């Protein structure tokens, strides 16, 4: 009963049949088995969040992702899901705050910096955007989304074009089949 990988696959089957309410109830039952394990509870709350999201109930999903973060602040997955909800709902400040919380709790996450950089870029806050793309590359010098976004940012601003070309080439070497990188 405590085989999480099997349980997650079972829930995925229920979700594929759109049996969201039943899947959520199964998650609630499973939570009782893990009263003493916050990390497992976090996984289950995250799973419930994804179920509610798939069912089109973002407000319920938001609550579950927050519970997942509360149980395990070091897990990056619920932060990313929560910020994605906020971004889709055009709640940019909440998305920014969520990414900042992730960065605070997990200094090793280049995705959080890259996604935060993309938000700042869309707001025309180019210095902040560049700063976050650069921080993502400090964490992982080969992180393709940050390489690609920083290359584009520099090229679009017609500055540091040699650096932009080097970044773009580096990204293309790492993701040669990605249309987003190739352009």
C-alpha atoms as a PDB file:
ATOM      1  CA  UNK A   1       0.000   0.000   0.000  1.00  0.00           C
ATOM      2  CA  UNK A   2       2.943   2.396   0.387  1.00  0.00           C
ATOM      3  CA  UNK A   3       4.380   1.865  -3.101  1.00  0.00           C
ATOM      4  CA  UNK A   4       4.137   5.455  -4.307  1.00  0.00           C
ATOM      5  CA  UNK A   5       5.243   4.775  -7.872  1.00  0.00           C
ATOM      6  CA  UNK A   6       2.499   2.176  -8.282  1.00  0.00           C
ATOM      7  CA  UNK A   7      -0.033   4.475  -6.632  1.00  0.00           C
ATOM      8  CA  UNK A   8       0.887   7.385  -8.899  1.00  0.00           C
ATOM      9  CA  UNK A   9       0.434   5.173 -11.976  1.00  0.00           C
ATOM     10  CA  UNK A  10      -2.931   4.016 -10.659  1.00  0.00           C
ATOM     11  CA  UNK A  11      -4.054   7.616 -10.193  1.00  0.00           C
ATOM     12  CA  UNK A  12      -2.849   8.404 -13.724  1.00  0.00           C
ATOM     13  CA  UNK A  13      -5.147   5.666 -15.016  1.00  0.00           C
ATOM     14  CA  UNK A  14      -8.116   7.122 -13.137  1.00  0.00           C
ATOM     15  CA  UNK A  15      -7.252  10.564 -14.487  1.00  0.00           C
ATOM     16  CA  UNK A  16      -7.029   9.256 -18.052  1.00  0.00           C
ATOM     17  CA  UNK A  17     -10.593   7.976 -17.593  1.00  0.00           C
ATOM     18  CA  UNK A  18     -11.546  11.409 -16.191  1.00  0.00           C
ATOM     19  CA  UNK A  19     -12.456   9.852 -12.832  1.00  0.00           C
ATOM     20  CA  UNK A  20     -11.060  12.871 -11.014  1.00  0.00           C
ATOM     21  CA  UNK A  21     -13.311  12.777  -7.946  1.00  0.00           C
ATOM     22  CA  UNK A  22     -12.568   9.104  -7.367  1.00  0.00           C
ATOM     23  CA  UNK A  23      -8.825   9.693  -7.851  1.00  0.00           C
ATOM     24  CA  UNK A  24      -8.874  12.554  -5.339  1.00  0.00           C
ATOM     25  CA  UNK A  25     -10.638  10.319  -2.796  1.00  0.00           C
ATOM     26  CA  UNK A  26      -7.961   7.675  -3.325  1.00  0.00           C
ATOM     27  CA  UNK A  27      -5.310  10.312  -2.677  1.00  0.00           C
ATOM     28  CA  UNK A  28      -7.090  11.331   0.526  1.00  0.00           C
ATOM     29  CA  UNK A  29      -7.062   7.706   1.676  1.00  0.00           C
ATOM     30  CA  UNK A  30      -3.398   7.395   0.783  1.00  0.00           C
ATOM     31  CA  UNK A  31      -2.572  10.536   2.780  1.00  0.00           C
ATOM     32  CA  UNK A  32      -3.719   8.746   5.946  1.00  0.00           C
ATOM     33  CA  UNK A  33      -1.025   6.116   5.405  1.00  0.00           C
ATOM     34  CA  UNK A  34       1.674   8.783   5.426  1.00  0.00           C
ATOM     35  CA  UNK A  35       0.829  10.870   8.511  1.00  0.00           C
ATOM     36  CA  UNK A  36       4.464  10.708   9.605  1.00  0.00           C
ATOM     37  CA  UNK A  37       6.027  11.408   6.205  1.00  0.00           C
ATOM     38  CA  UNK A  38       5.814  15.049   5.027  1.00  0.00           C
ATOM     39  CA  UNK A  39       7.710  14.333   1.793  1.00  0.00           C
ATOM     40  CA  UNK A  40       5.211  11.652   0.764  1.00  0.00           C
ATOM     41  CA  UNK A  41       2.340  13.908   1.789  1.00  0.00           C
ATOM     42  CA  UNK A  42       3.794  16.625  -0.424  1.00  0.00           C
ATOM     43  CA  UNK A  43       3.821  14.242  -3.387  1.00  0.00           C
ATOM     44  CA  UNK A  44       0.203  13.320  -2.715  1.00  0.00           C
ATOM     45  CA  UNK A  45      -0.952  16.925  -2.365  1.00  0.00           C
ATOM     46  CA  UNK A  46       0.885  17.716  -5.606  1.00  0.00           C
ATOM     47  CA  UNK A  47      -0.883  14.775  -7.243  1.00  0.00           C
ATOM     48  CA  UNK A  48      -4.231  16.097  -6.014  1.00  0.00           C
ATOM     49  CA  UNK A  49      -3.335  19.525  -7.396  1.00  0.00           C
ATOM     50  CA  UNK A  50      -2.679  18.022 -10.808  1.00  0.00           C
ATOM     51  CA  UNK A  51      -5.973  16.129 -10.658  1.00  0.00           C
ATOM     52  CA  UNK A  52      -7.907  19.293  -9.861  1.00  0.00           C
ATOM     53  CA  UNK A  53      -6.042  21.130 -12.589  1.00  0.00           C
ATOM     54  CA  UNK A  54      -6.963  18.423 -15.102  1.00  0.00           C
ATOM     55  CA  UNK A  55     -10.570  18.685 -13.919  1.00  0.00           C
ATOM     56  CA  UNK A  56     -10.497  22.425 -14.633  1.00  0.00           C
ATOM     57  CA  UNK A  57     -10.744  23.484 -10.978  1.00  0.00           C
ATOM     58  CA  UNK A  58      -7.760  25.776 -10.623  1.00  0.00           C
ATOM     59  CA  UNK A  59      -8.779  27.155  -7.231  1.00  0.00           C
ATOM     60  CA  UNK A  60      -8.761  23.636  -5.734  1.00  0.00           C
ATOM     61  CA  UNK A  61      -5.475  22.896  -7.486  1.00  0.00           C
ATOM     62  CA  UNK A  62      -3.932  26.052  -6.028  1.00  0.00           C
ATOM     63  CA  UNK A  63      -4.875  24.954  -2.509  1.00  0.00           C
ATOM     64  CA  UNK A  64      -3.319  21.511  -3.008  1.00  0.00           C
ATOM     65  CA  UNK A  65      -0.080  22.887  -4.430  1.00  0.00           C
ATOM     66  CA  UNK A  66       0.210  25.235  -1.446  1.00  0.00           C
ATOM     67  CA  UNK A  67      -0.264  22.264   0.893  1.00  0.00           C
ATOM     68  CA  UNK A  68       2.418  20.363  -1.004  1.00  0.00           C
ATOM     69  CA  UNK A  69       4.829  23.275  -0.531  1.00  0.00           C
ATOM     70  CA  UNK A  70       3.937  23.514   3.149  1.00  0.00           C
ATOM     71  CA  UNK A  71       4.709  19.823   3.661  1.00  0.00           C
ATOM     72  CA  UNK A  72       7.979  19.934   1.742  1.00  0.00           C
ATOM     73  CA  UNK A  73       9.321  23.408   0.918  1.00  0.00           C
ATOM     74  CA  UNK A  74      12.315  21.839  -0.848  1.00  0.00           C
ATOM     75  CA  UNK A  75      10.205  20.175  -3.563  1.00  0.00           C
ATOM     76  CA  UNK A  76      10.354  22.311  -6.706  1.00  0.00           C
ATOM     77  CA  UNK A  77       7.425  20.694  -8.529  1.00  0.00           C
ATOM     78  CA  UNK A  78       4.507  22.307  -6.669  1.00  0.00           C
ATOM     79  CA  UNK A  79       6.072  25.777  -6.885  1.00  0.00           C
ATOM     80  CA  UNK A  80       6.375  25.423 -10.657  1.00  0.00           C
ATOM     81  CA  UNK A  81       2.786  24.189 -10.967  1.00  0.00           C
ATOM     82  CA  UNK A  82       1.464  26.983  -8.752  1.00  0.00           C
ATOM     83  CA  UNK A  83       3.376  29.654 -10.664  1.00  0.00           C
ATOM     84  CA  UNK A  84       2.056  28.219 -13.928  1.00  0.00           C
ATOM     85  CA  UNK A  85      -1.503  28.649 -12.636  1.00  0.00           C
ATOM     86  CA  UNK A  86      -0.784  32.253 -11.656  1.00  0.00           C
ATOM     87  CA  UNK A  87       0.811  32.962 -15.022  1.00  0.00           C
ATOM     88  CA  UNK A  88      -2.152  31.496 -16.900  1.00  0.00           C
ATOM     89  CA  UNK A  89      -4.509  33.599 -14.779  1.00  0.00           C
ATOM     90  CA  UNK A  90      -2.412  36.719 -15.479  1.00  0.00           C
ATOM     91  CA  UNK A  91      -1.586  37.027 -11.767  1.00  0.00           C
ATOM     92  CA  UNK A  92       1.987  37.994 -12.565  1.00  0.00           C
ATOM     93  CA  UNK A  93       2.927  39.282  -9.119  1.00  0.00           C
ATOM     94  CA  UNK A  94       1.844  36.010  -7.506  1.00  0.00           C
ATOM     95  CA  UNK A  95       3.835  34.063 -10.094  1.00  0.00           C
ATOM     96  CA  UNK A  96       6.912  36.199  -9.396  1.00  0.00           C
ATOM     97  CA  UNK A  97       6.527  35.688  -5.660  1.00  0.00           C
ATOM     98  CA  UNK A  98       6.163  31.926  -6.120  1.00  0.00           C
ATOM     99  CA  UNK A  99       9.334  31.705  -8.218  1.00  0.00           C
ATOM    100  CA  UNK A 100      11.186  33.807  -5.630  1.00  0.00           C
ATOM    101  CA  UNK A 101      10.026  31.442  -2.870  1.00  0.00           C
ATOM    102  CA  UNK A 102      11.313  28.493  -4.903  1.00  0.00           C
ATOM    103  CA  UNK A 103      14.666  30.212  -5.424  1.00  0.00           C
ATOM    104  CA  UNK A 104      14.867  30.924  -1.694  1.00  0.00           C
ATOM    105  CA  UNK A 105      14.209  27.289  -0.805  1.00  0.00           C
ATOM    106  CA  UNK A 106      16.108  25.677  -3.679  1.00  0.00           C
ATOM    107  CA  UNK A 107      19.160  27.603  -4.809  1.00  0.00           C
ATOM    108  CA  UNK A 108      19.958  24.855  -7.325  1.00  0.00           C
ATOM    109  CA  UNK A 109      16.965  25.379  -9.647  1.00  0.00           C
ATOM    110  CA  UNK A 110      17.844  27.056 -12.964  1.00  0.00           C
ATOM    111  CA  UNK A 111      14.240  26.707 -14.178  1.00  0.00           C
ATOM    112  CA  UNK A 112      12.927  29.112 -11.538  1.00  0.00           C
ATOM    113  CA  UNK A 113      15.432  31.789 -12.578  1.00  0.00           C
ATOM    114  CA  UNK A 114      14.707  31.226 -16.264  1.00  0.00           C
ATOM    115  CA  UNK A 115      10.940  31.434 -15.834  1.00  0.00           C
ATOM    116  CA  UNK A 116      11.296  34.511 -13.652  1.00  0.00           C
ATOM    117  CA  UNK A 117      13.571  36.010 -16.296  1.00  0.00           C
ATOM    118  CA  UNK A 118      10.906  35.370 -18.933  1.00  0.00           C
ATOM    119  CA  UNK A 119       8.301  37.204 -16.857  1.00  0.00           C
ATOM    120  CA  UNK A 120      10.606  40.175 -16.412  1.00  0.00           C
ATOM    121  CA  UNK A 121      11.400  40.133 -20.124  1.00  0.00           C
ATOM    122  CA  UNK A 122       7.676  40.270 -20.942  1.00  0.00           C
ATOM    123  CA  UNK A 123       7.427  43.282 -18.621  1.00  0.00           C
ATOM    124  CA  UNK A 124      10.343  44.903 -20.436  1.00  0.00           C
ATOM    125  CA  UNK A 125      12.442  44.716 -17.251  1.00  0.00           C
ATOM    126  CA  UNK A 126      15.448  43.658 -19.289  1.00  0.00           C
ATOM    127  CA  UNK A 127      18.110  44.116 -16.615  1.00  0.00           C
ATOM    128  CA  UNK A 128      16.204  41.873 -14.193  1.00  0.00           C
ATOM    129  CA  UNK A 129      15.553  39.408 -16.970  1.00  0.00           C
ATOM    130  CA  UNK A 130      19.222  39.213 -17.923  1.00  0.00           C
ATOM    131  CA  UNK A 131      20.187  38.874 -14.266  1.00  0.00           C
ATOM    132  CA  UNK A 132      17.945  35.843 -13.789  1.00  0.00           C
ATOM    133  CA  UNK A 133      18.998  34.164 -17.033  1.00  0.00           C
ATOM    134  CA  UNK A 134      22.615  34.669 -15.952  1.00  0.00           C
ATOM    135  CA  UNK A 135      21.897  33.200 -12.511  1.00  0.00           C
ATOM    136  CA  UNK A 136      20.332  30.156 -14.157  1.00  0.00           C
ATOM    137  CA  UNK A 137      23.527  29.719 -16.177  1.00  0.00           C
ATOM    138  CA  UNK A 138      25.651  30.072 -13.032  1.00  0.00           C
ATOM    139  CA  UNK A 139      23.725  27.118 -11.622  1.00  0.00           C
ATOM    140  CA  UNK A 140      23.893  25.107 -14.852  1.00  0.00           C
ATOM    141  CA  UNK A 141      26.036  26.526 -17.639  1.00  0.00           C
ATOM    142  CA  UNK A 142      24.374  24.221 -20.151  1.00  0.00           C
ATOM    143  CA  UNK A 143      20.757  24.974 -19.274  1.00  0.00           C
ATOM    144  CA  UNK A 144      19.272  25.343 -22.756  1.00  0.00           C
ATOM    145  CA  UNK A 145      16.246  27.555 -21.956  1.00  0.00           C
ATOM    146  CA  UNK A 146      18.465  30.131 -20.232  1.00  0.00           C
ATOM    147  CA  UNK A 147      21.090  29.968 -23.001  1.00  0.00           C
ATOM    148  CA  UNK A 148      18.416  30.442 -25.638  1.00  0.00           C
ATOM    149  CA  UNK A 149      16.522  33.199 -23.817  1.00  0.00           C
ATOM    150  CA  UNK A 150      19.639  35.197 -22.975  1.00  0.00           C
ATOM    151  CA  UNK A 151      20.865  34.876 -26.571  1.00  0.00           C
ATOM    152  CA  UNK A 152      17.524  36.145 -27.841  1.00  0.00           C
ATOM    153  CA  UNK A 153      17.391  38.971 -25.283  1.00  0.00           C
ATOM    154  CA  UNK A 154      20.835  40.229 -26.309  1.00  0.00           C
ATOM    155  CA  UNK A 155      20.113  39.877 -30.029  1.00  0.00           C
ATOM    156  CA  UNK A 156      16.712  41.578 -29.781  1.00  0.00           C
ATOM    157  CA  UNK A 157      18.345  44.513 -28.012  1.00  0.00           C
ATOM    158  CA  UNK A 158      21.131  44.577 -30.600  1.00  0.00           C
ATOM    159  CA  UNK A 159      23.824  44.374 -27.941  1.00  0.00           C
ATOM    160  CA  UNK A 160      26.587  41.937 -27.160  1.00  0.00           C
ATOM    161  CA  UNK A 161      25.891  40.211 -30.454  1.00  0.00           C
ATOM    162  CA  UNK A 162      29.015  38.022 -30.293  1.00  0.00           C
ATOM    163  CA  UNK A 163      27.958  36.814 -26.853  1.00  0.00           C
ATOM    164  CA  UNK A 164      24.422  36.246 -28.138  1.00  0.00           C
ATOM    165  CA  UNK A 165      25.778  34.177 -31.022  1.00  0.00           C
ATOM    166  CA  UNK A 166      27.968  32.109 -28.681  1.00  0.00           C
ATOM    167  CA  UNK A 167      24.995  31.464 -26.382  1.00  0.00           C
ATOM    168  CA  UNK A 168      22.770  30.516 -29.318  1.00  0.00           C
ATOM    169  CA  UNK A 169      25.398  28.142 -30.728  1.00  0.00           C
ATOM    170  CA  UNK A 170      25.840  26.544 -27.303  1.00  0.00           C
ATOM    171  CA  UNK A 171      22.079  26.050 -26.999  1.00  0.00           C
ATOM    172  CA  UNK A 172      21.887  24.599 -30.522  1.00  0.00           C
ATOM    173  CA  UNK A 173      24.692  22.130 -29.776  1.00  0.00           C
ATOM    174  CA  UNK A 174      22.728  20.897 -26.773  1.00  0.00           C
ATOM    175  CA  UNK A 175      19.269  20.888 -28.364  1.00  0.00           C
ATOM    176  CA  UNK A 176      19.857  20.634 -32.085  1.00  0.00           C
ATOM    177  CA  UNK A 177      16.345  19.368 -32.852  1.00  0.00           C
ATOM    178  CA  UNK A 178      14.441  22.050 -30.962  1.00  0.00           C
ATOM    179  CA  UNK A 179      12.701  24.525 -33.300  1.00  0.00           C
ATOM    180  CA  UNK A 180      12.677  27.129 -30.528  1.00  0.00           C
ATOM    181  CA  UNK A 181      16.459  26.918 -30.271  1.00  0.00           C
ATOM    182  CA  UNK A 182      17.155  26.644 -33.985  1.00  0.00           C
ATOM    183  CA  UNK A 183      15.449  29.954 -34.771  1.00  0.00           C
END
